[in-house]
Each structure stands twice: as C-alpha cells, then as structure tokens.
N, C-alpha and C. Protein backbone atom coordinates (compact mmCIF):
# COMPACT_ATOMS: atom_id res chain seq x y z
N MET A 1 95.79 74.05 103.40
CA MET A 1 95.61 73.46 104.70
C MET A 1 95.41 74.55 105.76
N LYS A 2 96.19 75.62 105.63
CA LYS A 2 96.07 76.69 106.62
C LYS A 2 94.68 77.30 106.61
N ALA A 3 94.11 77.49 105.44
CA ALA A 3 92.77 78.06 105.33
C ALA A 3 91.76 77.15 106.03
N VAL A 4 91.89 75.88 105.82
CA VAL A 4 90.95 74.92 106.42
C VAL A 4 91.10 74.90 107.93
N THR A 5 92.34 74.81 108.41
CA THR A 5 92.55 74.70 109.86
C THR A 5 92.24 75.99 110.59
N SER A 6 92.30 77.13 109.90
CA SER A 6 92.01 78.41 110.56
C SER A 6 90.58 78.89 110.30
N HIS A 7 89.80 78.07 109.59
CA HIS A 7 88.40 78.40 109.27
C HIS A 7 88.29 79.73 108.53
N ARG A 8 89.19 79.93 107.57
CA ARG A 8 89.19 81.13 106.74
C ARG A 8 89.21 80.71 105.28
N SER A 9 88.86 81.63 104.42
CA SER A 9 88.90 81.30 103.00
C SER A 9 90.34 81.33 102.50
N LEU A 10 90.57 80.62 101.43
CA LEU A 10 91.90 80.62 100.82
C LEU A 10 92.28 82.03 100.40
N SER A 11 91.32 82.78 99.90
CA SER A 11 91.56 84.16 99.49
C SER A 11 92.05 85.02 100.66
N GLU A 12 91.46 84.84 101.83
CA GLU A 12 91.89 85.60 103.00
C GLU A 12 93.32 85.26 103.40
N VAL A 13 93.64 84.00 103.36
CA VAL A 13 95.00 83.56 103.72
C VAL A 13 96.01 84.12 102.73
N VAL A 14 95.70 84.05 101.44
CA VAL A 14 96.60 84.58 100.41
C VAL A 14 96.73 86.09 100.55
N ASN A 15 95.62 86.79 100.76
CA ASN A 15 95.67 88.25 100.92
C ASN A 15 96.54 88.64 102.10
N ASP A 16 96.41 87.94 103.22
CA ASP A 16 97.25 88.24 104.38
C ASP A 16 98.73 88.00 104.08
N ALA A 17 99.02 86.94 103.35
CA ALA A 17 100.41 86.64 103.00
C ALA A 17 100.99 87.72 102.09
N VAL A 18 100.21 88.16 101.12
CA VAL A 18 100.67 89.21 100.20
C VAL A 18 100.87 90.52 100.96
N LYS A 19 99.94 90.86 101.85
CA LYS A 19 100.08 92.09 102.65
C LYS A 19 101.36 92.04 103.48
N LEU A 20 101.64 90.89 104.07
CA LEU A 20 102.85 90.75 104.87
C LEU A 20 104.10 90.95 104.03
N LEU A 21 104.13 90.33 102.86
CA LEU A 21 105.30 90.47 101.98
C LEU A 21 105.48 91.90 101.50
N LEU A 22 104.38 92.56 101.16
CA LEU A 22 104.47 93.96 100.72
C LEU A 22 104.93 94.86 101.85
N SER A 23 104.49 94.58 103.05
CA SER A 23 104.92 95.34 104.22
C SER A 23 106.43 95.18 104.44
N GLU A 24 106.92 93.96 104.29
CA GLU A 24 108.36 93.70 104.43
C GLU A 24 109.14 94.44 103.35
N ASP A 25 108.62 94.45 102.12
CA ASP A 25 109.27 95.19 101.04
C ASP A 25 109.33 96.67 101.35
N GLN A 26 108.24 97.21 101.90
CA GLN A 26 108.20 98.63 102.24
C GLN A 26 109.23 98.94 103.33
N GLN A 27 109.38 98.06 104.30
CA GLN A 27 110.39 98.26 105.34
C GLN A 27 111.80 98.24 104.75
N ASP A 28 112.04 97.31 103.82
CA ASP A 28 113.35 97.23 103.16
C ASP A 28 113.65 98.52 102.39
N LEU A 29 112.67 99.02 101.65
CA LEU A 29 112.87 100.24 100.88
C LEU A 29 113.14 101.42 101.80
N SER A 30 112.46 101.47 102.92
CA SER A 30 112.69 102.53 103.89
C SER A 30 114.11 102.46 104.44
N ALA A 31 114.57 101.26 104.74
CA ALA A 31 115.93 101.09 105.24
C ALA A 31 116.95 101.52 104.19
N PHE A 32 116.71 101.20 102.93
CA PHE A 32 117.62 101.62 101.86
C PHE A 32 117.68 103.14 101.78
N GLU A 33 116.54 103.80 101.88
CA GLU A 33 116.51 105.26 101.82
C GLU A 33 117.28 105.87 102.98
N GLN A 34 117.15 105.30 104.16
CA GLN A 34 117.84 105.83 105.34
C GLN A 34 119.36 105.67 105.23
N ARG A 35 119.80 104.67 104.49
CA ARG A 35 121.23 104.38 104.42
C ARG A 35 121.86 104.81 103.10
N ILE A 36 121.13 105.62 102.31
CA ILE A 36 121.59 105.96 100.96
C ILE A 36 122.93 106.70 100.95
N ASN A 37 123.22 107.45 101.98
CA ASN A 37 124.46 108.24 102.00
C ASN A 37 125.63 107.52 102.65
N GLU A 38 125.42 106.30 103.09
CA GLU A 38 126.51 105.54 103.68
C GLU A 38 127.48 105.10 102.58
N PRO A 39 128.76 105.02 102.92
CA PRO A 39 129.73 104.57 101.91
C PRO A 39 129.48 103.10 101.55
N THR A 40 129.83 102.75 100.33
CA THR A 40 129.68 101.37 99.89
C THR A 40 130.97 100.61 100.15
N MET A 41 130.87 99.30 100.18
CA MET A 41 132.03 98.45 100.41
C MET A 41 131.94 97.27 99.45
N SER A 42 133.04 96.96 98.80
CA SER A 42 133.03 95.80 97.90
C SER A 42 132.95 94.52 98.71
N TYR A 43 132.56 93.46 98.06
CA TYR A 43 132.47 92.16 98.72
C TYR A 43 133.84 91.74 99.25
N GLU A 44 134.87 91.98 98.47
CA GLU A 44 136.23 91.61 98.88
C GLU A 44 136.64 92.39 100.11
N ALA A 45 136.31 93.69 100.15
CA ALA A 45 136.64 94.52 101.31
C ALA A 45 135.88 94.04 102.55
N LEU A 46 134.63 93.64 102.37
CA LEU A 46 133.85 93.12 103.48
C LEU A 46 134.49 91.86 104.04
N LEU A 47 134.90 90.95 103.17
CA LEU A 47 135.54 89.72 103.62
C LEU A 47 136.84 90.03 104.36
N ASP A 48 137.64 90.96 103.83
CA ASP A 48 138.88 91.36 104.49
C ASP A 48 138.60 91.94 105.88
N ASP A 49 137.57 92.78 105.98
CA ASP A 49 137.21 93.40 107.26
C ASP A 49 136.77 92.33 108.27
N LEU A 50 135.95 91.40 107.82
CA LEU A 50 135.50 90.33 108.71
C LEU A 50 136.68 89.48 109.18
N LYS A 51 137.60 89.20 108.28
CA LYS A 51 138.78 88.41 108.64
C LYS A 51 139.66 89.16 109.62
N THR A 52 139.86 90.46 109.39
CA THR A 52 140.67 91.30 110.26
C THR A 52 140.12 91.31 111.68
N HIS A 53 138.80 91.32 111.81
CA HIS A 53 138.15 91.40 113.13
C HIS A 53 137.81 90.01 113.70
N GLY A 54 138.35 88.96 113.09
CA GLY A 54 138.19 87.61 113.62
C GLY A 54 136.78 87.06 113.51
N LYS A 55 136.02 87.58 112.59
CA LYS A 55 134.64 87.11 112.43
C LYS A 55 134.49 86.16 111.26
N LEU A 56 135.58 85.84 110.65
CA LEU A 56 135.55 84.91 109.51
C LEU A 56 136.66 83.92 109.63
C-alpha cells in the first residue's frame, strides 16, 4: 500500500526500509563499542538499584 500511495516501486520502499534498519544496527553497534569498558550489572542488581531509587 505504501508503494502505491507514495507512487514508488515496491522495491524502492523495501530498499529504504532495509537501509533504515541497517543504519539503526550500525548505530547500536557503535553504542556498544563506546560502552565496552563500562562495568556490567546483573538483572537482579538492576532491579535492586531501581527499587532503591524509587523507580520501581
């Protein structure tokens, strides 16, 4: 429907969607690289921290 309403081919719409998703993946990977040296926290510790700070 989007291809029809935007007067574009289905291939163009799909290509744009794939490019967008790949771009988001690249941003995620970049964020992971920037935060690689940060300490990790277990799920249980995260829940405890949220509860301690009144966010849960």
